[in-house]
Amino acid sequence: MNVFNMISKFFDDEEYRKNPIPQNLSKDQFAAINIGAINAEQTEYFCDSLSTGSSVEDIKENLSDYYNITDRETALETLEWLFASGHRVYFDLIKGAVSGRETQIDGSGLDEDGIARIKEYLSNVQESLDVLIGYDFIKLKQPADLYQQSIAAWDMGRLVLVTRCCFDAGYISDEEAWHYIFNARHLSQKAYISWKDFASGYVIGRAMWSGNTMSLTGIIAITQGLLEDEESPWKQCEF
């Protein structure tokens, strides 16, 4: 089962799955887990436990297919990459051009693959601008506002997702998992002031990665639900 690209979840009525075995998370643990709430909703993972609730077989398959994680070494390597750089390094290179503040992109130091990614991500953001503005994910409703944006949320949401999966797969300990999950929350709190700001950063990051696709529309629907539904885990905890 391709849980990382589960389109069917976008139209599923089951929301905010809870672990049937109460985990008694602290308020801080619950809030930190839900830095990955958008991803958890997309993949139908529990929103209130370190364990995802998915099968180990599915988790290992998808970690291998989508993150090239097959063991402890590759797990730690990927988790460190998400925390230290992720996709936000590319956004920081292109946001000046997208916002109109700069006319050139400094691709010095990038290899051929990096240059190709820059071109793809720039095109993806440009084609998604109308959607991002229409749904108020760009604050001032104009491309220039992108210069002040961060997509750290996109990387931190995925960091929580992948951390939980690596824990369930047995690649890392619970102590190591909480270390990365709390790091994701702390970095997010430095970059944003609210769940709304965090959501904007996540959706912009997703748009950069995927472009204006049906899956982006689904992510936006999930995000709006998390911001508005009274049963949403985001409504149950402070950012």
C-alpha atoms as a PDB file:
ATOM      1  CA  MET A   1       0.000   0.000   0.000  1.00  0.00           C
ATOM      2  CA  ASN A   2       1.425   3.363  -1.053  1.00  0.00           C
ATOM      3  CA  VAL A   3       0.751   5.253   2.167  1.00  0.00           C
ATOM      4  CA  PHE A   4       2.976   8.208   1.331  1.00  0.00           C
ATOM      5  CA  ASN A   5       0.877   9.069  -1.737  1.00  0.00           C
ATOM      6  CA  MET A   6      -2.497   7.913  -0.491  1.00  0.00           C
ATOM      7  CA  ILE A   7      -4.887   9.994  -2.566  1.00  0.00           C
ATOM      8  CA  SER A   8      -7.937   8.135  -1.264  1.00  0.00           C
ATOM      9  CA  LYS A   9      -7.400   9.684   2.158  1.00  0.00           C
ATOM     10  CA  PHE A  10      -8.336  13.078   0.746  1.00  0.00           C
ATOM     11  CA  PHE A  11     -11.897  11.835   0.361  1.00  0.00           C
ATOM     12  CA  ASP A  12     -12.094   9.609   3.447  1.00  0.00           C
ATOM     13  CA  ASP A  13     -14.510  10.409   6.256  1.00  0.00           C
ATOM     14  CA  GLU A  14     -12.283   8.961   8.989  1.00  0.00           C
ATOM     15  CA  GLU A  15     -10.346  11.793  10.584  1.00  0.00           C
ATOM     16  CA  TYR A  16      -7.914  12.205  13.459  1.00  0.00           C
ATOM     17  CA  ARG A  17      -7.436   8.515  14.217  1.00  0.00           C
ATOM     18  CA  LYS A  18      -6.647   7.772  17.827  1.00  0.00           C
ATOM     19  CA  ASN A  19      -4.668   4.871  19.192  1.00  0.00           C
ATOM     20  CA  PRO A  20      -7.188   2.486  20.830  1.00  0.00           C
ATOM     21  CA  ILE A  21      -4.616   1.910  23.573  1.00  0.00           C
ATOM     22  CA  PRO A  22      -4.277   5.260  25.405  1.00  0.00           C
ATOM     23  CA  GLN A  23      -0.678   6.478  25.330  1.00  0.00           C
ATOM     24  CA  ASN A  24      -0.976   9.206  27.973  1.00  0.00           C
ATOM     25  CA  LEU A  25       1.214  11.652  26.093  1.00  0.00           C
ATOM     26  CA  SER A  26       2.171  14.868  27.830  1.00  0.00           C
ATOM     27  CA  LYS A  27       0.845  18.112  26.342  1.00  0.00           C
ATOM     28  CA  ASP A  28       4.238  18.804  24.821  1.00  0.00           C
ATOM     29  CA  GLN A  29       4.501  15.321  23.335  1.00  0.00           C
ATOM     30  CA  PHE A  30       1.018  15.593  21.816  1.00  0.00           C
ATOM     31  CA  ALA A  31       1.801  19.004  20.318  1.00  0.00           C
ATOM     32  CA  ALA A  32       5.134  17.765  18.960  1.00  0.00           C
ATOM     33  CA  ILE A  33       3.574  14.681  17.359  1.00  0.00           C
ATOM     34  CA  ASN A  34       1.088  16.959  15.616  1.00  0.00           C
ATOM     35  CA  ILE A  35       3.774  18.968  13.892  1.00  0.00           C
ATOM     36  CA  GLY A  36       3.242  15.998  11.576  1.00  0.00           C
ATOM     37  CA  ALA A  37      -0.569  16.206  11.648  1.00  0.00           C
ATOM     38  CA  ILE A  38      -0.974  16.995   7.947  1.00  0.00           C
ATOM     39  CA  ASN A  39       1.090  13.937   7.077  1.00  0.00           C
ATOM     40  CA  ALA A  40      -0.723  11.815   9.658  1.00  0.00           C
ATOM     41  CA  GLU A  41      -4.085  12.717   8.140  1.00  0.00           C
ATOM     42  CA  GLN A  42      -2.834  12.012   4.640  1.00  0.00           C
ATOM     43  CA  THR A  43      -1.587   8.565   5.655  1.00  0.00           C
ATOM     44  CA  GLU A  44      -4.315   7.782   8.231  1.00  0.00           C
ATOM     45  CA  TYR A  45      -1.818   7.475  11.077  1.00  0.00           C
ATOM     46  CA  PHE A  46      -2.703   7.891  14.746  1.00  0.00           C
ATOM     47  CA  CYS A  47      -2.626  11.494  15.925  1.00  0.00           C
ATOM     48  CA  ASP A  48      -2.012  10.703  19.597  1.00  0.00           C
ATOM     49  CA  SER A  49       0.856   8.241  19.808  1.00  0.00           C
ATOM     50  CA  LEU A  50       4.419   7.694  18.707  1.00  0.00           C
ATOM     51  CA  SER A  51       3.334   4.527  16.925  1.00  0.00           C
ATOM     52  CA  THR A  52       1.616   5.199  13.596  1.00  0.00           C
ATOM     53  CA  GLY A  53      -0.857   2.327  13.703  1.00  0.00           C
ATOM     54  CA  SER A  54       0.280   1.067  10.300  1.00  0.00           C
ATOM     55  CA  SER A  55       1.820  -2.343   9.623  1.00  0.00           C
ATOM     56  CA  VAL A  56       5.579  -2.751   9.844  1.00  0.00           C
ATOM     57  CA  GLU A  57       5.579  -4.349   6.395  1.00  0.00           C
ATOM     58  CA  ASP A  58       3.914  -1.327   4.777  1.00  0.00           C
ATOM     59  CA  ILE A  59       6.109   1.107   6.667  1.00  0.00           C
ATOM     60  CA  LYS A  60       9.353  -0.600   5.669  1.00  0.00           C
ATOM     61  CA  GLU A  61       8.265  -0.828   2.049  1.00  0.00           C
ATOM     62  CA  ASN A  62       7.422   2.847   1.829  1.00  0.00           C
ATOM     63  CA  LEU A  63      10.475   4.018   3.745  1.00  0.00           C
ATOM     64  CA  SER A  64      12.549   2.128   1.197  1.00  0.00           C
ATOM     65  CA  ASP A  65      10.604   3.269  -1.868  1.00  0.00           C
ATOM     66  CA  TYR A  66      10.226   6.954  -1.022  1.00  0.00           C
ATOM     67  CA  TYR A  67      13.114   7.796   1.296  1.00  0.00           C
ATOM     68  CA  ASN A  68      15.695   5.102   0.484  1.00  0.00           C
ATOM     69  CA  ILE A  69      15.637   4.056   4.140  1.00  0.00           C
ATOM     70  CA  THR A  70      16.421   0.388   4.645  1.00  0.00           C
ATOM     71  CA  ASP A  71      18.253   0.240   7.965  1.00  0.00           C
ATOM     72  CA  ARG A  72      19.390   2.257  10.965  1.00  0.00           C
ATOM     73  CA  GLU A  73      22.204   4.002   9.105  1.00  0.00           C
ATOM     74  CA  THR A  74      20.022   5.264   6.266  1.00  0.00           C
ATOM     75  CA  ALA A  75      17.290   6.189   8.745  1.00  0.00           C
ATOM     76  CA  LEU A  76      19.570   8.455  10.778  1.00  0.00           C
ATOM     77  CA  GLU A  77      21.081   9.932   7.618  1.00  0.00           C
ATOM     78  CA  THR A  78      17.648  10.906   6.278  1.00  0.00           C
ATOM     79  CA  LEU A  79      16.398  12.260   9.598  1.00  0.00           C
ATOM     80  CA  GLU A  80      19.479  14.444   9.908  1.00  0.00           C
ATOM     81  CA  TRP A  81      19.001  15.681   6.331  1.00  0.00           C
ATOM     82  CA  LEU A  82      15.372  16.641   6.950  1.00  0.00           C
ATOM     83  CA  PHE A  83      16.290  18.506  10.121  1.00  0.00           C
ATOM     84  CA  ALA A  84      19.392  20.253   8.802  1.00  0.00           C
ATOM     85  CA  SER A  85      18.405  21.145   5.253  1.00  0.00           C
ATOM     86  CA  GLY A  86      15.578  19.265   3.554  1.00  0.00           C
ATOM     87  CA  HIS A  87      13.862  21.050   0.680  1.00  0.00           C
ATOM     88  CA  ARG A  88      13.942  24.467   2.320  1.00  0.00           C
ATOM     89  CA  VAL A  89      17.457  25.082   1.028  1.00  0.00           C
ATOM     90  CA  TYR A  90      15.997  25.077  -2.487  1.00  0.00           C
ATOM     91  CA  PHE A  91      13.140  27.384  -1.545  1.00  0.00           C
ATOM     92  CA  ASP A  92      15.586  29.851  -0.058  1.00  0.00           C
ATOM     93  CA  LEU A  93      17.390  29.911  -3.408  1.00  0.00           C
ATOM     94  CA  ILE A  94      14.289  30.509  -5.543  1.00  0.00           C
ATOM     95  CA  LYS A  95      12.076  32.695  -3.346  1.00  0.00           C
ATOM     96  CA  GLY A  96      13.838  35.877  -4.408  1.00  0.00           C
ATOM     97  CA  ALA A  97      13.080  35.182  -8.065  1.00  0.00           C
ATOM     98  CA  VAL A  98       9.489  34.081  -7.416  1.00  0.00           C
ATOM     99  CA  SER A  99       8.779  37.147  -5.285  1.00  0.00           C
ATOM    100  CA  GLY A 100      10.267  39.517  -7.839  1.00  0.00           C
ATOM    101  CA  ARG A 101      12.944  40.724  -5.444  1.00  0.00           C
ATOM    102  CA  GLU A 102      15.751  39.172  -7.485  1.00  0.00           C
ATOM    103  CA  THR A 103      16.306  38.553 -11.181  1.00  0.00           C
ATOM    104  CA  GLN A 104      18.776  35.699 -10.891  1.00  0.00           C
ATOM    105  CA  ILE A 105      19.132  32.517  -8.874  1.00  0.00           C
ATOM    106  CA  ASP A 106      22.520  31.724  -7.414  1.00  0.00           C
ATOM    107  CA  GLY A 107      23.053  28.093  -8.304  1.00  0.00           C
ATOM    108  CA  SER A 108      26.774  28.122  -7.684  1.00  0.00           C
ATOM    109  CA  GLY A 109      27.869  25.038  -5.851  1.00  0.00           C
ATOM    110  CA  LEU A 110      24.937  22.953  -7.096  1.00  0.00           C
ATOM    111  CA  ASP A 111      25.497  19.831  -9.158  1.00  0.00           C
ATOM    112  CA  GLU A 112      23.493  18.951 -12.268  1.00  0.00           C
ATOM    113  CA  ASP A 113      20.724  17.356 -10.224  1.00  0.00           C
ATOM    114  CA  GLY A 114      20.515  20.410  -7.971  1.00  0.00           C
ATOM    115  CA  ILE A 115      20.181  22.737 -10.956  1.00  0.00           C
ATOM    116  CA  ALA A 116      17.402  20.560 -12.379  1.00  0.00           C
ATOM    117  CA  ARG A 117      15.574  20.653  -9.051  1.00  0.00           C
ATOM    118  CA  ILE A 118      15.839  24.435  -8.895  1.00  0.00           C
ATOM    119  CA  LYS A 119      14.224  24.751 -12.321  1.00  0.00           C
ATOM    120  CA  GLU A 120      11.474  22.269 -11.448  1.00  0.00           C
ATOM    121  CA  TYR A 121      10.702  23.826  -8.068  1.00  0.00           C
ATOM    122  CA  LEU A 122      10.646  27.345  -9.508  1.00  0.00           C
ATOM    123  CA  SER A 123       8.148  26.250 -12.149  1.00  0.00           C
ATOM    124  CA  ASN A 124       6.037  24.425  -9.548  1.00  0.00           C
ATOM    125  CA  VAL A 125       5.747  27.478  -7.295  1.00  0.00           C
ATOM    126  CA  GLN A 126       4.946  29.781 -10.193  1.00  0.00           C
ATOM    127  CA  GLU A 127       2.135  27.555 -11.452  1.00  0.00           C
ATOM    128  CA  SER A 128       0.710  27.290  -7.912  1.00  0.00           C
ATOM    129  CA  LEU A 129       0.649  31.010  -7.077  1.00  0.00           C
ATOM    130  CA  ASP A 130      -3.030  31.568  -7.883  1.00  0.00           C
ATOM    131  CA  VAL A 131      -4.046  28.641  -5.667  1.00  0.00           C
ATOM    132  CA  LEU A 132      -1.794  29.725  -2.798  1.00  0.00           C
ATOM    133  CA  ILE A 133      -3.105  33.287  -2.969  1.00  0.00           C
ATOM    134  CA  GLY A 134      -6.721  32.168  -3.369  1.00  0.00           C
ATOM    135  CA  TYR A 135      -6.580  30.047  -0.221  1.00  0.00           C
ATOM    136  CA  ASP A 136      -4.774  32.751   1.796  1.00  0.00           C
ATOM    137  CA  PHE A 137      -1.538  30.825   2.197  1.00  0.00           C
ATOM    138  CA  ILE A 138       0.329  33.883   0.946  1.00  0.00           C
ATOM    139  CA  LYS A 139      -0.393  36.551   3.542  1.00  0.00           C
ATOM    140  CA  LEU A 140      -0.438  39.732   1.469  1.00  0.00           C
ATOM    141  CA  LYS A 141      -1.979  37.986  -1.542  1.00  0.00           C
ATOM    142  CA  GLN A 142       0.922  38.842  -3.787  1.00  0.00           C
ATOM    143  CA  PRO A 143       4.062  36.945  -4.848  1.00  0.00           C
ATOM    144  CA  ALA A 144       6.321  39.493  -3.122  1.00  0.00           C
ATOM    145  CA  ASP A 145       5.204  38.081   0.237  1.00  0.00           C
ATOM    146  CA  LEU A 146       6.945  34.795  -0.553  1.00  0.00           C
ATOM    147  CA  TYR A 147      10.277  36.443   0.178  1.00  0.00           C
ATOM    148  CA  GLN A 148       9.366  36.492   3.886  1.00  0.00           C
ATOM    149  CA  GLN A 149       8.107  32.914   3.929  1.00  0.00           C
ATOM    150  CA  SER A 150       9.756  29.756   5.203  1.00  0.00           C
ATOM    151  CA  ILE A 151       8.873  26.207   4.192  1.00  0.00           C
ATOM    152  CA  ALA A 152      10.477  24.717   7.294  1.00  0.00           C
ATOM    153  CA  ALA A 153       7.014  23.320   8.099  1.00  0.00           C
ATOM    154  CA  TRP A 154       7.181  21.111   5.007  1.00  0.00           C
ATOM    155  CA  ASP A 155      10.460  19.608   6.183  1.00  0.00           C
ATOM    156  CA  MET A 156       9.465  19.378   9.856  1.00  0.00           C
ATOM    157  CA  GLY A 157       6.128  17.732   9.111  1.00  0.00           C
ATOM    158  CA  ARG A 158       7.939  15.107   7.091  1.00  0.00           C
ATOM    159  CA  LEU A 159      10.598  14.773   9.783  1.00  0.00           C
ATOM    160  CA  VAL A 160       7.913  13.771  12.291  1.00  0.00           C
ATOM    161  CA  LEU A 161       6.312  11.389   9.781  1.00  0.00           C
ATOM    162  CA  VAL A 162       9.571   9.657   8.882  1.00  0.00           C
ATOM    163  CA  THR A 163      10.719   9.561  12.515  1.00  0.00           C
ATOM    164  CA  ARG A 164       7.552   7.768  13.591  1.00  0.00           C
ATOM    165  CA  CYS A 165       7.894   5.323  10.715  1.00  0.00           C
ATOM    166  CA  CYS A 166      11.535   4.639  11.540  1.00  0.00           C
ATOM    167  CA  PHE A 167      10.527   3.941  15.136  1.00  0.00           C
ATOM    168  CA  ASP A 168       7.794   1.522  14.078  1.00  0.00           C
ATOM    169  CA  ALA A 169      10.220  -0.168  11.677  1.00  0.00           C
ATOM    170  CA  GLY A 170      12.651  -0.729  14.549  1.00  0.00           C
ATOM    171  CA  TYR A 171      15.402   1.423  13.059  1.00  0.00           C
ATOM    172  CA  ILE A 172      15.539   3.889  15.969  1.00  0.00           C
ATOM    173  CA  SER A 173      14.630   3.822  19.668  1.00  0.00           C
ATOM    174  CA  ASP A 174      11.756   5.693  21.272  1.00  0.00           C
ATOM    175  CA  GLU A 175      14.271   8.023  22.920  1.00  0.00           C
ATOM    176  CA  GLU A 176      15.828   8.840  19.554  1.00  0.00           C
ATOM    177  CA  ALA A 177      12.391   9.298  18.011  1.00  0.00           C
ATOM    178  CA  TRP A 178      11.309  11.839  20.620  1.00  0.00           C
ATOM    179  CA  HIS A 179      14.609  13.663  20.161  1.00  0.00           C
ATOM    180  CA  TYR A 180      13.853  14.263  16.477  1.00  0.00           C
ATOM    181  CA  ILE A 181      10.177  14.999  17.062  1.00  0.00           C
ATOM    182  CA  PHE A 182      10.910  17.629  19.700  1.00  0.00           C
ATOM    183  CA  ASN A 183      13.604  19.091  17.464  1.00  0.00           C
ATOM    184  CA  ALA A 184      10.970  19.417  14.745  1.00  0.00           C
ATOM    185  CA  ARG A 185       8.670  21.280  17.099  1.00  0.00           C
ATOM    186  CA  HIS A 186      11.385  23.601  18.393  1.00  0.00           C
ATOM    187  CA  LEU A 187      12.529  24.544  14.895  1.00  0.00           C
ATOM    188  CA  SER A 188       8.909  25.112  13.866  1.00  0.00           C
ATOM    189  CA  GLN A 189       8.344  27.409  16.830  1.00  0.00           C
ATOM    190  CA  LYS A 190      11.356  29.463  15.772  1.00  0.00           C
ATOM    191  CA  ALA A 191      10.028  29.816  12.226  1.00  0.00           C
ATOM    192  CA  TYR A 192       6.295  30.388  12.922  1.00  0.00           C
ATOM    193  CA  ILE A 193       4.018  31.901  15.543  1.00  0.00           C
ATOM    194  CA  SER A 194       0.837  29.836  15.059  1.00  0.00           C
ATOM    195  CA  TRP A 195      -0.638  26.747  13.457  1.00  0.00           C
ATOM    196  CA  LYS A 196      -1.958  29.006  10.684  1.00  0.00           C
ATOM    197  CA  ASP A 197       1.539  30.268   9.882  1.00  0.00           C
ATOM    198  CA  PHE A 198       2.877  26.723  10.079  1.00  0.00           C
ATOM    199  CA  ALA A 199       0.145  25.518   7.715  1.00  0.00           C
ATOM    200  CA  SER A 200       1.036  28.202   5.174  1.00  0.00           C
ATOM    201  CA  GLY A 201       4.682  27.175   5.232  1.00  0.00           C
ATOM    202  CA  TYR A 202       3.758  23.530   4.778  1.00  0.00           C
ATOM    203  CA  VAL A 203       1.396  24.110   1.858  1.00  0.00           C
ATOM    204  CA  ILE A 204       3.864  26.396   0.073  1.00  0.00           C
ATOM    205  CA  GLY A 205       6.533  23.719   0.501  1.00  0.00           C
ATOM    206  CA  ARG A 206       4.194  21.073  -0.842  1.00  0.00           C
ATOM    207  CA  ALA A 207       3.368  23.298  -3.821  1.00  0.00           C
ATOM    208  CA  MET A 208       7.067  23.742  -4.544  1.00  0.00           C
ATOM    209  CA  TRP A 209       7.558  19.982  -4.487  1.00  0.00           C
ATOM    210  CA  SER A 210       4.442  18.873  -6.390  1.00  0.00           C
ATOM    211  CA  GLY A 211       3.173  21.839  -8.374  1.00  0.00           C
ATOM    212  CA  ASN A 212      -0.523  22.621  -8.793  1.00  0.00           C
ATOM    213  CA  THR A 213      -1.858  19.075  -8.756  1.00  0.00           C
ATOM    214  CA  MET A 214      -4.865  17.228  -7.396  1.00  0.00           C
ATOM    215  CA  SER A 215      -2.727  16.069  -4.489  1.00  0.00           C
ATOM    216  CA  LEU A 216      -2.023  19.707  -3.568  1.00  0.00           C
ATOM    217  CA  THR A 217      -5.771  20.328  -3.470  1.00  0.00           C
ATOM    218  CA  GLY A 218      -6.126  17.365  -1.122  1.00  0.00           C
ATOM    219  CA  ILE A 219      -3.377  18.646   1.158  1.00  0.00           C
ATOM    220  CA  ILE A 220      -5.080  22.045   1.295  1.00  0.00           C
ATOM    221  CA  ALA A 221      -8.359  20.362   2.298  1.00  0.00           C
ATOM    222  CA  ILE A 222      -6.614  18.437   5.078  1.00  0.00           C
ATOM    223  CA  THR A 223      -4.896  21.605   6.276  1.00  0.00           C
ATOM    224  CA  GLN A 224      -8.121  23.599   6.353  1.00  0.00           C
ATOM    225  CA  GLY A 225      -9.756  20.850   8.372  1.00  0.00           C
ATOM    226  CA  LEU A 226      -6.937  20.866  10.904  1.00  0.00           C
ATOM    227  CA  LEU A 227      -7.270  24.633  11.273  1.00  0.00           C
ATOM    228  CA  GLU A 228     -11.071  24.704  11.525  1.00  0.00           C
ATOM    229  CA  ASP A 229     -12.463  21.410  12.879  1.00  0.00           C
ATOM    230  CA  GLU A 230     -13.129  21.433  16.608  1.00  0.00           C
ATOM    231  CA  GLU A 231     -11.975  17.800  16.830  1.00  0.00           C
ATOM    232  CA  SER A 232      -8.687  18.594  15.127  1.00  0.00           C
ATOM    233  CA  PRO A 233      -5.556  17.862  17.180  1.00  0.00           C
ATOM    234  CA  TRP A 234      -4.414  21.409  16.382  1.00  0.00           C
ATOM    235  CA  LYS A 235      -7.457  22.663  18.287  1.00  0.00           C
ATOM    236  CA  GLN A 236      -6.446  20.527  21.269  1.00  0.00           C
ATOM    237  CA  CYS A 237      -2.983  21.975  21.796  1.00  0.00           C
ATOM    238  CA  GLU A 238      -1.017  25.186  21.620  1.00  0.00           C
ATOM    239  CA  PHE A 239       1.414  25.682  18.783  1.00  0.00           C
END
